[in-house]
Amino acid sequence: MKKLIMLISIITFLLTSCNTQIKQEKELVTQQDTIKPIEKMKIIKEYDDDGNLISIDSSYYYFYSTIKNDTLLEKQFFNKFKNDFNPQFKSIDSLFKNDFLIKSPFNMHDFYTDDFYLNQFKFHNKQIEKIIKEMDSIKNKFYSNQKI
């Protein structure tokens, strides 16, 4: 009796595991075919003086285009974003130049402390994080407004 139950269990296990693998392969094929190519065809015909067809040339091509894999479109979007973005923000380098290096250390009240540079870094780090968050929000808004 134990052998019969064991045999039925093994057969059931083998049958269900084989079916599971087939379903996964079927779903994978469906996911791969969701992007359709852009197809174009061009036909060039040449005629002689009497109107007779002397040659015909045709070309057919297709390509897949998405924003992530279309390097020309990516470059165009990026350059447009860069041109719109640059006037809105001063560079992070200027943040350090204006606030960190131009001020004389002797005018600062905490210059003689042991952690002077660390404190300055912490202060600027907060400003940099704020600027980067603002930059990310501008970038996300820009790309969400683009039409592909």
Foldseek 3Di string as FASTA:
>chain_A
DVVVVVVVVVVVVVVVVVVVVVVVVVVVVVVVPPFDWDKDKDKDWDADPVRHTDDIDMDIDIDTDDCVPPVVNVVVLVVVCCVVPVVVDDDLVVVCVVPPPPDDLVPDPCSPPPCVVVVVCVVSVVVVVVVVVVVVVSVVVSVVPDDD
